[in-house]
Protein backbone atom coordinates (compact mmCIF):
# COMPACT_ATOMS: atom_id res chain seq x y z
CA UNK A 1 15.84 -21.80 14.96
CA UNK A 2 14.35 -22.71 11.44
CA UNK A 3 10.89 -21.54 12.67
CA UNK A 4 12.38 -18.60 13.64
CA UNK A 5 13.80 -17.65 10.57
CA UNK A 6 10.41 -18.14 8.89
CA UNK A 7 8.73 -15.83 11.06
CA UNK A 8 11.08 -13.13 10.02
CA UNK A 9 11.27 -14.30 6.28
CA UNK A 10 7.53 -13.94 6.28
CA UNK A 11 6.74 -10.76 8.26
CA UNK A 12 9.25 -9.20 5.56
CA UNK A 13 7.18 -11.31 2.66
CA UNK A 14 4.12 -9.35 1.39
CA UNK A 15 1.20 -11.55 2.50
CA UNK A 16 -2.02 -11.48 1.63
CA UNK A 17 -5.65 -12.46 2.76
CA UNK A 18 -7.01 -13.06 5.86
CA UNK A 19 -9.94 -13.62 8.34
CA UNK A 20 -10.92 -9.93 7.06
CA UNK A 21 -13.30 -11.35 4.05
CA UNK A 22 -13.86 -15.18 4.97
CA UNK A 23 -15.87 -17.33 7.41
CA UNK A 24 -15.60 -20.80 6.31
CA UNK A 25 -12.99 -23.06 5.58
CA UNK A 26 -12.07 -23.57 1.92
CA UNK A 27 -10.06 -26.55 0.20
CA UNK A 28 -8.00 -25.67 -2.30
CA UNK A 29 -8.62 -26.60 -5.49
CA UNK A 30 -5.34 -28.34 -5.98
CA UNK A 31 -2.51 -29.22 -3.48
CA UNK A 32 -1.13 -25.84 -1.79
CA UNK A 33 2.33 -27.39 -3.27
CA UNK A 34 1.06 -27.15 -6.90
CA UNK A 35 0.77 -23.17 -6.67
CA UNK A 36 4.10 -22.74 -5.28
CA UNK A 37 6.05 -24.86 -7.74
CA UNK A 38 4.04 -23.24 -10.61
CA UNK A 39 4.50 -19.69 -9.61
CA UNK A 40 8.01 -20.50 -9.35
CA UNK A 41 8.28 -21.61 -12.31
CA UNK A 42 6.61 -19.28 -13.92
CA UNK A 43 9.23 -16.21 -12.26
CA UNK A 44 12.04 -18.54 -13.73
CA UNK A 45 10.86 -18.58 -16.90
CA UNK A 46 9.57 -15.05 -17.03
CA UNK A 47 13.13 -14.59 -16.26
CA UNK A 48 14.71 -16.11 -18.77
CA UNK A 49 12.78 -14.68 -21.68
CA UNK A 50 13.60 -11.02 -20.24
CA UNK A 51 17.08 -11.74 -20.55
CA UNK A 52 16.77 -13.31 -23.38
CA UNK A 53 15.09 -10.50 -25.17
CA UNK A 54 15.38 -7.42 -23.28
CA UNK A 55 18.48 -5.69 -24.68
CA UNK A 56 20.18 -2.37 -23.48
CA UNK A 57 18.66 -0.26 -26.53
CA UNK A 58 15.20 -1.63 -25.49
CA UNK A 59 16.27 -0.82 -21.64
CA UNK A 60 17.16 3.37 -22.87
CA UNK A 61 13.70 3.73 -24.97
CA UNK A 62 11.77 6.43 -23.24
CA UNK A 63 8.24 4.75 -23.07
CA UNK A 64 6.04 6.62 -25.87
CA UNK A 65 2.77 8.95 -24.16
CA UNK A 66 0.46 10.06 -26.35
CA UNK A 67 -0.21 13.73 -25.30
CA UNK A 68 -4.52 14.62 -25.42
CA UNK A 69 -3.39 18.39 -25.07
CA UNK A 70 -5.99 20.62 -24.81
CA UNK A 71 -8.94 18.56 -26.10
CA UNK A 72 -12.42 18.36 -24.84
CA UNK A 73 -11.73 15.81 -22.42
CA UNK A 74 -8.88 17.82 -20.90
CA UNK A 75 -10.97 20.86 -20.15
CA UNK A 76 -13.75 18.54 -18.99
CA UNK A 77 -11.33 17.29 -16.25
CA UNK A 78 -10.17 21.38 -15.57
CA UNK A 79 -14.00 22.19 -15.08
CA UNK A 80 -14.76 18.95 -12.66
CA UNK A 81 -11.85 19.66 -10.57
CA UNK A 82 -13.88 22.48 -8.53
CA UNK A 83 -16.86 20.08 -7.88
CA UNK A 84 -15.22 16.73 -7.00
CA UNK A 85 -12.84 18.90 -4.55
CA UNK A 86 -16.22 20.46 -2.46
CA UNK A 87 -17.85 16.53 -3.15
CA UNK A 88 -14.63 15.26 -1.83
CA UNK A 89 -14.15 17.68 1.57
CA UNK A 90 -18.33 17.50 1.87
CA UNK A 91 -17.85 13.45 2.45
CA UNK A 92 -14.95 13.71 5.13
CA UNK A 93 -16.74 16.73 6.51
CA UNK A 94 -19.84 14.24 6.71
CA UNK A 95 -17.42 11.63 8.05
CA UNK A 96 -16.30 13.40 11.02
CA UNK A 97 -20.11 14.69 11.71
CA UNK A 98 -21.38 11.44 11.72
CA UNK A 99 -18.77 10.28 13.75
CA UNK A 100 -19.39 12.19 16.74
CA UNK A 101 -23.07 12.29 16.38
CA UNK A 102 -24.46 9.28 14.89
CA UNK A 103 -24.87 5.57 15.96
CA UNK A 104 -21.52 3.85 18.04
CA UNK A 105 -22.42 1.01 15.74
CA UNK A 106 -19.66 1.24 13.32
CA UNK A 107 -21.15 -0.92 10.79
CA UNK A 108 -24.45 1.74 10.34
CA UNK A 109 -21.77 4.74 10.56
CA UNK A 110 -20.85 6.67 7.70
CA UNK A 111 -17.43 7.48 8.72
CA UNK A 112 -16.46 4.05 9.37
CA UNK A 113 -17.01 2.73 5.73
CA UNK A 114 -16.37 5.60 3.93
CA UNK A 115 -13.04 6.36 5.27
CA UNK A 116 -11.03 3.16 6.10
CA UNK A 117 -13.35 1.43 2.79
CA UNK A 118 -14.02 4.12 0.43
CA UNK A 119 -11.19 6.51 0.54
CA UNK A 120 -8.29 5.01 2.12
CA UNK A 121 -8.60 1.84 0.14
CA UNK A 122 -10.71 2.74 -2.82
CA UNK A 123 -8.60 5.90 -3.64
CA UNK A 124 -5.49 3.66 -3.84
CA UNK A 125 -6.81 1.72 -6.47
CA UNK A 126 -8.04 4.29 -8.23
CA UNK A 127 -4.75 6.17 -8.06
CA UNK A 128 -3.40 3.66 -10.06
CA UNK A 129 -5.86 3.08 -13.00
CA UNK A 130 -6.73 6.73 -13.23
CA UNK A 131 -3.55 8.57 -12.31
CA UNK A 132 -2.99 10.99 -9.39
CA UNK A 133 -6.25 12.44 -9.18
CA UNK A 134 -5.95 12.66 -5.21
CA UNK A 135 -3.81 16.03 -5.83
CA UNK A 136 -6.89 17.66 -7.45
CA UNK A 137 -9.95 16.76 -4.87
CA UNK A 138 -7.97 15.67 -1.69
CA UNK A 139 -10.03 17.45 1.14
CA UNK A 140 -6.86 18.25 3.44
CA UNK A 141 -5.42 20.09 0.36
CA UNK A 142 -8.54 22.23 0.09
CA UNK A 143 -7.99 23.65 3.59
CA UNK A 144 -4.48 25.32 1.75
CA UNK A 145 -7.12 27.52 0.00
CA UNK A 146 -7.50 29.51 3.67
CA UNK A 147 -4.07 30.76 3.63
CA UNK A 148 -2.32 34.01 1.11
CA UNK A 149 -0.39 32.90 -2.05
CA UNK A 150 2.89 33.30 -0.20
CA UNK A 151 2.19 30.79 2.74
CA UNK A 152 0.54 28.32 0.09
CA UNK A 153 4.04 28.49 -1.78
CA UNK A 154 6.51 29.07 1.13
CA UNK A 155 5.19 28.65 4.61
CA UNK A 156 7.33 30.40 7.82
CA UNK A 157 10.13 28.63 7.55
CA UNK A 158 11.84 26.44 4.78
CA UNK A 159 11.52 22.82 4.77
CA UNK A 160 14.56 21.07 5.66
CA UNK A 161 14.10 18.57 2.62
CA UNK A 162 17.40 16.94 2.55
CA UNK A 163 17.63 16.24 6.01
CA UNK A 164 13.57 15.11 6.80
CA UNK A 165 12.79 14.43 3.37
CA UNK A 166 9.52 11.90 3.66
CA UNK A 167 10.44 10.89 6.84
CA UNK A 168 7.37 12.68 8.70
CA UNK A 169 4.84 10.86 5.80
CA UNK A 170 6.73 7.59 7.36
CA UNK A 171 5.42 8.70 10.98
CA UNK A 172 2.29 9.42 9.79
CA UNK A 173 1.99 6.21 7.39
CA UNK A 174 2.79 4.07 10.46
CA UNK A 175 0.53 6.00 12.87
CA UNK A 176 -2.12 4.94 10.70
CA UNK A 177 -1.55 1.53 9.88
CA UNK A 178 -0.88 1.14 14.10
CA UNK A 179 -4.35 2.47 14.49
CA UNK A 180 -6.03 0.65 12.12
CA UNK A 181 -4.66 -3.02 12.88
CA UNK A 182 -4.30 -2.21 16.71
CA UNK A 183 -6.27 1.10 17.40
CA UNK A 184 -10.03 -0.50 17.77
CA UNK A 185 -10.89 2.55 16.66
CA UNK A 186 -14.96 3.43 16.68
CA UNK A 187 -16.67 6.19 14.92
CA UNK A 188 -16.34 8.89 17.68
CA UNK A 189 -12.75 8.54 18.04
CA UNK A 190 -12.33 7.87 14.26
CA UNK A 191 -14.04 11.24 14.27
CA UNK A 192 -11.54 12.71 16.91
CA UNK A 193 -8.39 11.44 14.80
CA UNK A 194 -9.44 13.10 11.71
CA UNK A 195 -10.39 16.55 13.49
CA UNK A 196 -6.88 16.14 14.68
CA UNK A 197 -5.42 14.99 11.26
CA UNK A 198 -7.18 18.46 9.96
CA UNK A 199 -5.29 20.37 12.52
CA UNK A 200 -2.29 18.83 11.82
CA UNK A 201 -2.28 19.62 8.14
CA UNK A 202 -3.31 23.54 9.02
CA UNK A 203 -0.49 23.70 11.26
CA UNK A 204 1.57 22.01 8.49
CA UNK A 205 0.43 24.04 5.84
CA UNK A 206 1.23 27.49 7.92
CA UNK A 207 4.48 26.22 8.98
CA UNK A 208 6.02 24.88 5.78
CA UNK A 209 3.72 25.74 3.32
CA UNK A 210 1.38 23.66 1.48
CA UNK A 211 4.06 22.87 -1.44
CA UNK A 212 6.34 21.34 0.58
CA UNK A 213 3.75 19.40 2.99
CA UNK A 214 1.89 17.85 0.69
CA UNK A 215 5.04 16.33 -1.32
CA UNK A 216 7.10 15.27 1.59
CA UNK A 217 4.69 14.91 4.93
CA UNK A 218 0.75 14.22 3.85
CA UNK A 219 1.44 10.29 3.82
CA UNK A 220 -2.12 10.18 1.51
CA UNK A 221 -0.92 12.46 -0.78
CA UNK A 222 2.77 10.51 -1.03
CA UNK A 223 1.32 6.92 -1.48
CA UNK A 224 -1.26 7.73 -3.88
CA UNK A 225 0.97 9.20 -5.80
CA UNK A 226 3.25 6.41 -5.73
CA UNK A 227 0.40 4.33 -6.89
CA UNK A 228 -0.41 6.86 -9.73
CA UNK A 229 3.10 5.71 -11.17
CA UNK A 230 1.95 2.17 -12.55
CA UNK A 231 -1.57 3.64 -13.83
CA UNK A 232 -2.00 4.03 -17.83
CA UNK A 233 -2.74 7.88 -17.43
CA UNK A 234 -0.99 11.13 -16.41
CA UNK A 235 -1.41 14.85 -16.14
CA UNK A 236 0.40 17.60 -16.47
CA UNK A 237 -0.49 21.57 -16.68
CA UNK A 238 0.26 23.39 -20.10
CA UNK A 239 1.16 26.82 -20.12
CA UNK A 240 -2.93 28.00 -19.45
CA UNK A 241 -2.97 25.77 -16.27
CA UNK A 242 -5.18 23.27 -17.69
CA UNK A 243 -4.67 19.61 -17.27
CA UNK A 244 -3.28 17.66 -20.55
CA UNK A 245 -4.41 14.42 -20.66
CA UNK A 246 -1.53 11.99 -21.38
CA UNK A 247 -1.89 8.08 -22.18
CA UNK A 248 1.08 6.04 -21.89
CA UNK A 249 1.87 1.69 -21.33
CA UNK A 250 1.17 0.64 -17.64
CA UNK A 251 4.27 0.60 -15.21
CA UNK A 252 5.82 2.97 -17.86
CA UNK A 253 5.78 5.72 -15.11
CA UNK A 254 8.04 3.60 -12.86
CA UNK A 255 10.76 3.12 -16.15
CA UNK A 256 13.98 5.45 -15.82
CA UNK A 257 12.99 6.85 -12.13
CA UNK A 258 15.38 6.32 -9.15
CA UNK A 259 13.73 6.82 -5.50
CA UNK A 260 14.88 9.53 -4.44
CA UNK A 261 15.57 9.26 -0.97
CA UNK A 262 16.11 6.45 1.94
CA UNK A 263 12.86 7.93 3.49
CA UNK A 264 10.40 7.32 0.68
CA UNK A 265 12.35 3.68 0.15
CA UNK A 266 11.57 3.16 3.64
CA UNK A 267 7.95 4.01 2.63
CA UNK A 268 7.33 1.84 0.09
CA UNK A 269 9.22 -0.91 1.81
CA UNK A 270 6.27 -0.29 4.48
CA UNK A 271 3.36 -0.62 1.66
CA UNK A 272 4.90 -4.09 1.67
CA UNK A 273 5.56 -4.84 4.98
CA UNK A 274 2.15 -3.51 6.91
CA UNK A 275 0.15 -5.67 4.41
CA UNK A 276 2.34 -8.93 5.01
CA UNK A 277 2.04 -8.25 8.59
CA UNK A 278 -2.03 -7.68 8.65
CA UNK A 279 -1.70 -11.09 6.77
CA UNK A 280 0.97 -12.70 9.05
CA UNK A 281 -0.82 -11.80 12.66
CA UNK A 282 -3.91 -14.09 11.36
CA UNK A 283 -1.99 -16.81 11.20
CA UNK A 284 -1.77 -19.79 13.41
CA UNK A 285 1.77 -20.03 13.65
CA UNK A 286 2.05 -15.97 14.90
CA UNK A 287 -0.76 -16.29 17.47
CA UNK A 288 1.10 -19.13 18.84
CA UNK A 289 4.28 -17.80 18.83
CA UNK A 290 3.33 -16.05 21.63
CA UNK A 291 0.63 -17.42 23.66
CA UNK A 292 1.68 -20.77 23.32
CA UNK A 293 5.13 -20.04 23.64
CA UNK A 294 6.93 -22.88 22.07
CA UNK A 295 9.97 -21.76 22.77
CA UNK A 296 9.41 -21.80 26.72
CA UNK A 297 10.83 -18.20 27.11
CA UNK A 298 7.80 -17.00 28.94
CA UNK A 299 5.75 -20.10 30.80
CA UNK A 300 8.78 -20.15 32.98
CA UNK A 301 7.95 -16.28 34.59
CA UNK A 302 4.48 -17.15 34.80
CA UNK A 303 4.54 -20.73 35.66
CA UNK A 304 1.87 -21.42 33.34
CA UNK A 305 1.52 -20.55 29.28
CA UNK A 306 0.96 -17.43 28.35
CA UNK A 307 -3.12 -18.28 26.79
CA UNK A 308 -3.95 -18.71 30.78
CA UNK A 309 -3.08 -15.18 32.03
CA UNK A 310 -4.76 -13.37 28.03
CA UNK A 311 -6.45 -10.51 29.93
CA UNK A 312 -3.35 -9.92 31.99
CA UNK A 313 -0.66 -9.78 29.00
CA UNK A 314 -2.79 -8.33 26.48
CA UNK A 315 -1.49 -4.89 27.15
CA UNK A 316 1.89 -6.23 26.62
CA UNK A 317 1.10 -8.26 23.07
CA UNK A 318 -0.66 -5.20 21.38
CA UNK A 319 3.10 -3.68 22.11
CA UNK A 320 5.05 -6.94 20.93
CA UNK A 321 2.87 -6.27 17.96
CA UNK A 322 3.11 -2.48 17.30
CA UNK A 323 7.18 -3.71 17.91
CA UNK A 324 6.98 -6.01 15.15
CA UNK A 325 4.52 -3.50 12.78
CA UNK A 326 7.62 -0.97 12.78
CA UNK A 327 10.15 -2.82 12.65
CA UNK A 328 8.85 -4.41 9.69
CA UNK A 329 10.13 -1.92 6.97
CA UNK A 330 13.09 -2.15 8.04
CA UNK A 331 13.69 -6.21 8.19
CA UNK A 332 12.57 -6.06 4.29
CA UNK A 333 15.27 -3.41 3.79
CA UNK A 334 17.73 -5.44 5.24
CA UNK A 335 16.93 -8.43 3.07
CA UNK A 336 16.26 -5.94 -0.06
CA UNK A 337 20.15 -4.58 0.66
CA UNK A 338 21.30 -8.24 1.12
CA UNK A 339 19.99 -9.80 -2.25
CA UNK A 340 21.29 -6.32 -3.69
CA UNK A 341 24.50 -6.89 -2.13
CA UNK A 342 25.12 -10.55 -3.54
CA UNK A 343 24.13 -9.05 -7.11
CA UNK A 344 26.67 -6.56 -6.36
CA UNK A 345 29.54 -9.34 -5.15
CA UNK A 346 28.55 -11.36 -8.13
CA UNK A 347 28.71 -8.64 -11.14
CA UNK A 348 31.97 -6.66 -8.93
CA UNK A 349 30.13 -3.73 -9.53
CA UNK A 350 31.38 -0.08 -8.36
CA UNK A 351 28.10 1.25 -7.54
CA UNK A 352 27.63 1.54 -3.66
CA UNK A 353 24.95 -0.22 -2.35
CA UNK A 354 23.13 2.71 -1.26
CA UNK A 355 22.45 4.20 -5.17
CA UNK A 356 21.76 0.54 -6.19
CA UNK A 357 19.36 0.39 -3.61
CA UNK A 358 17.40 3.67 -4.50
CA UNK A 359 17.46 2.92 -8.43
CA UNK A 360 16.33 -0.76 -7.84
CA UNK A 361 13.56 0.58 -5.23
CA UNK A 362 10.55 1.07 -7.58
CA UNK A 363 10.40 -2.37 -8.47
CA UNK A 364 8.90 -2.98 -5.43
CA UNK A 365 5.88 -1.07 -6.18
CA UNK A 366 4.08 -3.80 -7.95
CA UNK A 367 4.45 -5.94 -5.59
CA UNK A 368 2.93 -3.48 -3.15
CA UNK A 369 -0.08 -2.88 -4.78
CA UNK A 370 -0.88 -6.53 -5.70
CA UNK A 371 -0.69 -7.85 -2.74
CA UNK A 372 -2.50 -5.28 -1.18
CA UNK A 373 -5.27 -5.47 -3.59
CA UNK A 374 -5.57 -9.77 -3.15
CA UNK A 375 -5.50 -8.82 0.61
CA UNK A 376 -8.00 -6.18 0.81
CA UNK A 377 -10.59 -6.21 -2.37
CA UNK A 378 -12.89 -8.84 -1.22
CA UNK A 379 -13.34 -5.66 1.54
CA UNK A 380 -14.54 -3.34 -1.05
CA UNK A 381 -17.45 -5.97 -2.21
CA UNK A 382 -18.22 -7.44 1.13
CA UNK A 383 -17.88 -3.99 3.20
CA UNK A 384 -17.68 -1.07 0.85
CA UNK A 385 -21.16 -1.48 -1.59
CA UNK A 386 -22.66 -0.31 1.51
CA UNK A 387 -21.72 3.02 1.06
CA UNK A 388 -25.16 3.02 -0.95
CA UNK A 389 -27.42 2.56 1.75
CA UNK A 390 -24.68 4.22 4.39
CA UNK A 391 -25.22 7.78 2.17
CA UNK A 392 -29.35 7.45 2.64
CA UNK A 393 -28.89 6.88 6.22
CA UNK A 394 -25.27 8.17 7.41
CA UNK A 395 -26.12 8.53 11.32
CA UNK A 396 -27.67 5.38 11.60
CA UNK A 397 -30.93 7.03 12.59
CA UNK A 398 -33.46 5.05 10.39
CA UNK A 399 -33.26 7.87 8.05
CA UNK A 400 -33.91 6.72 3.90
CA UNK A 401 -33.10 9.81 2.16
CA UNK A 402 -32.56 8.29 -1.48
CA UNK A 403 -34.35 5.36 -1.02
CA UNK A 404 -31.07 2.99 -0.96
CA UNK A 405 -30.89 2.31 3.21
CA UNK A 406 -32.16 -1.10 2.38
CA UNK A 407 -30.76 -2.90 -0.97
CA UNK A 408 -27.76 -0.85 -0.38
CA UNK A 409 -26.92 -3.39 2.81
CA UNK A 410 -26.83 -6.55 1.17
CA UNK A 411 -22.86 -7.27 0.74
CA UNK A 412 -21.58 -8.81 -2.14
CA UNK A 413 -19.91 -12.13 -1.17
CA UNK A 414 -17.80 -13.53 -3.65
CA UNK A 415 -17.07 -16.81 -4.49
CA UNK A 416 -13.70 -18.25 -1.95
CA UNK A 417 -12.73 -19.81 -5.48
CA UNK A 418 -12.61 -17.23 -7.64
CA UNK A 419 -11.07 -14.96 -4.65
CA UNK A 420 -8.06 -17.80 -4.70
CA UNK A 421 -7.23 -17.96 -7.93
CA UNK A 422 -7.56 -14.19 -8.28
CA UNK A 423 -5.42 -13.66 -5.41
CA UNK A 424 -2.84 -16.25 -7.24
CA UNK A 425 -3.18 -14.22 -10.56
CA UNK A 426 -2.39 -10.92 -9.24
CA UNK A 427 0.51 -12.02 -7.03
CA UNK A 428 2.12 -13.35 -10.21
CA UNK A 429 1.36 -11.08 -12.22
CA UNK A 430 2.83 -8.36 -9.84
CA UNK A 431 5.89 -10.54 -9.35
CA UNK A 432 6.74 -10.81 -12.95
CA UNK A 433 6.29 -6.79 -13.40
CA UNK A 434 8.54 -6.24 -10.48
CA UNK A 435 10.81 -8.61 -12.79
CA UNK A 436 10.47 -6.92 -15.77
CA UNK A 437 11.45 -3.39 -13.95
CA UNK A 438 14.67 -4.84 -12.03
CA UNK A 439 15.98 -6.27 -15.34
CA UNK A 440 15.50 -3.03 -17.46
CA UNK A 441 16.88 -1.02 -14.52
CA UNK A 442 19.95 -3.70 -14.44
CA UNK A 443 20.31 -3.10 -18.02
CA UNK A 444 20.71 0.72 -17.85
CA UNK A 445 22.95 0.21 -14.25
CA UNK A 446 25.75 -2.23 -15.14
CA UNK A 447 28.11 -1.91 -18.38
CA UNK A 448 27.46 -5.16 -20.02
CA UNK A 449 23.98 -7.45 -20.71
CA UNK A 450 26.00 -10.41 -18.86
CA UNK A 451 26.40 -8.67 -15.62
CA UNK A 452 22.80 -7.17 -15.50
CA UNK A 453 21.19 -10.53 -16.38
CA UNK A 454 23.66 -12.18 -13.05
CA UNK A 455 22.68 -9.16 -10.61
CA UNK A 456 19.06 -10.26 -10.99
CA UNK A 457 20.02 -14.36 -9.79
CA UNK A 458 19.89 -13.11 -6.30
CA UNK A 459 16.74 -10.76 -6.14
CA UNK A 460 15.13 -13.50 -8.66
CA UNK A 461 15.83 -15.99 -5.60
CA UNK A 462 14.24 -13.47 -2.89
CA UNK A 463 10.84 -12.88 -5.39
CA UNK A 464 10.68 -16.77 -5.23
CA UNK A 465 11.02 -17.19 -1.62
CA UNK A 466 8.52 -14.62 -1.02
CA UNK A 467 6.19 -15.57 -3.34
CA UNK A 468 6.15 -19.07 -1.92
CA UNK A 469 5.77 -17.82 1.61
CA UNK A 470 3.33 -15.14 0.47
CA UNK A 471 0.97 -17.80 -1.19
CA UNK A 472 1.50 -19.65 1.95
CA UNK A 473 0.13 -16.91 4.48
CA UNK A 474 -2.29 -15.90 1.72
CA UNK A 475 -3.98 -20.11 1.85
CA UNK A 476 -4.13 -19.85 5.67
CA UNK A 477 -7.61 -18.01 6.43
CA UNK A 478 -9.05 -19.54 3.45
CA UNK A 479 -8.19 -23.34 4.74
CA UNK A 480 -8.99 -22.33 8.23
């Protein structure tokens, strides 16, 4: 029972770091328990500091923003929009063509590294630092220029936003992660998937209009827009249509914000749980639960441990993993609502749980981003840098168009000690940021400062638990 509970909690925990980036075991410089207790103590201390210094008046203040208006920088951004859109569209087109015609070696074909590493990973981190630039350079938004202004705005039918909301984006995001983790895609199959996604975007724009589709359905637009809420840079068009650049404090885009629909909350939770699942499935605990059958549920049917029937059971294992992947955000949602309910009981608040979940949903975004970064940023170093070589030889045919086909192949191999300490610090910073956002929201949601503080004690316990289990999973691939 304890092991089963640990697996469920670990699945709901945004745990990062696995064998994507490490080949040799690494001995932690300090005992593991010291990292756990240190992180837990830091979270508890940050909670006490915020509870003492942060007041209701502070929580009600609107964060300052500094607009540049029609400055040279704003005009430069507007001038760069079309060239960047063309460059982004051409890069995606090249990824499709190279997958169809180039080498089948995924490490020598442009499309695998560009799509999975540079586009899907890199754009997420760029959005969290520079704001929502994807809205200007999305290759699929560029497809909308093929339609008339009426179709661009409205489409053929009105999108049922109140009923469907962000569920199409949730389904597409789940499909994307399933392909990434379980699909075993290769250059050719990836190109077919990208062509199908282009067709889907074209059909959706024609049916419901670009405005509704890129707000609710195109999951990259939703994901990058969420990440941009943490950025210190925001953009807004002025009366002439030019982009006005605004500087703000990091994370301030999430203050005074409420998740607008349950589907968007599930999307945020899947950003957490899918990364947690990717880390958990690489641990020996997860592997042994199925293949060594520690509870003796499968072996009596087979007459032997499942590992001896690996070939026959492999399709069942893939289905088993897919089931847990789909269930993961709803497991996390259940835990999130449970601890919100405990806070509601402690404060005797009249606010319904559904409203509390939407009000506090954005406090999970910093955790989602830092766990994503700690899990995948090494891929940008050891595989993403190869894009320089792949641009010179995109098809893998031995070209050297820009003279970088050889020198650009050398990856950056980070020191595992640096990686581990960076991951610990990022996880801690992300959790502290989430504690701050949740505490500020509590001060706005509850009538007294005492109630606001009491409401956050259960959530602090959940964060502490998640931090401990998350660091445990993160440490497994480093230690072999």
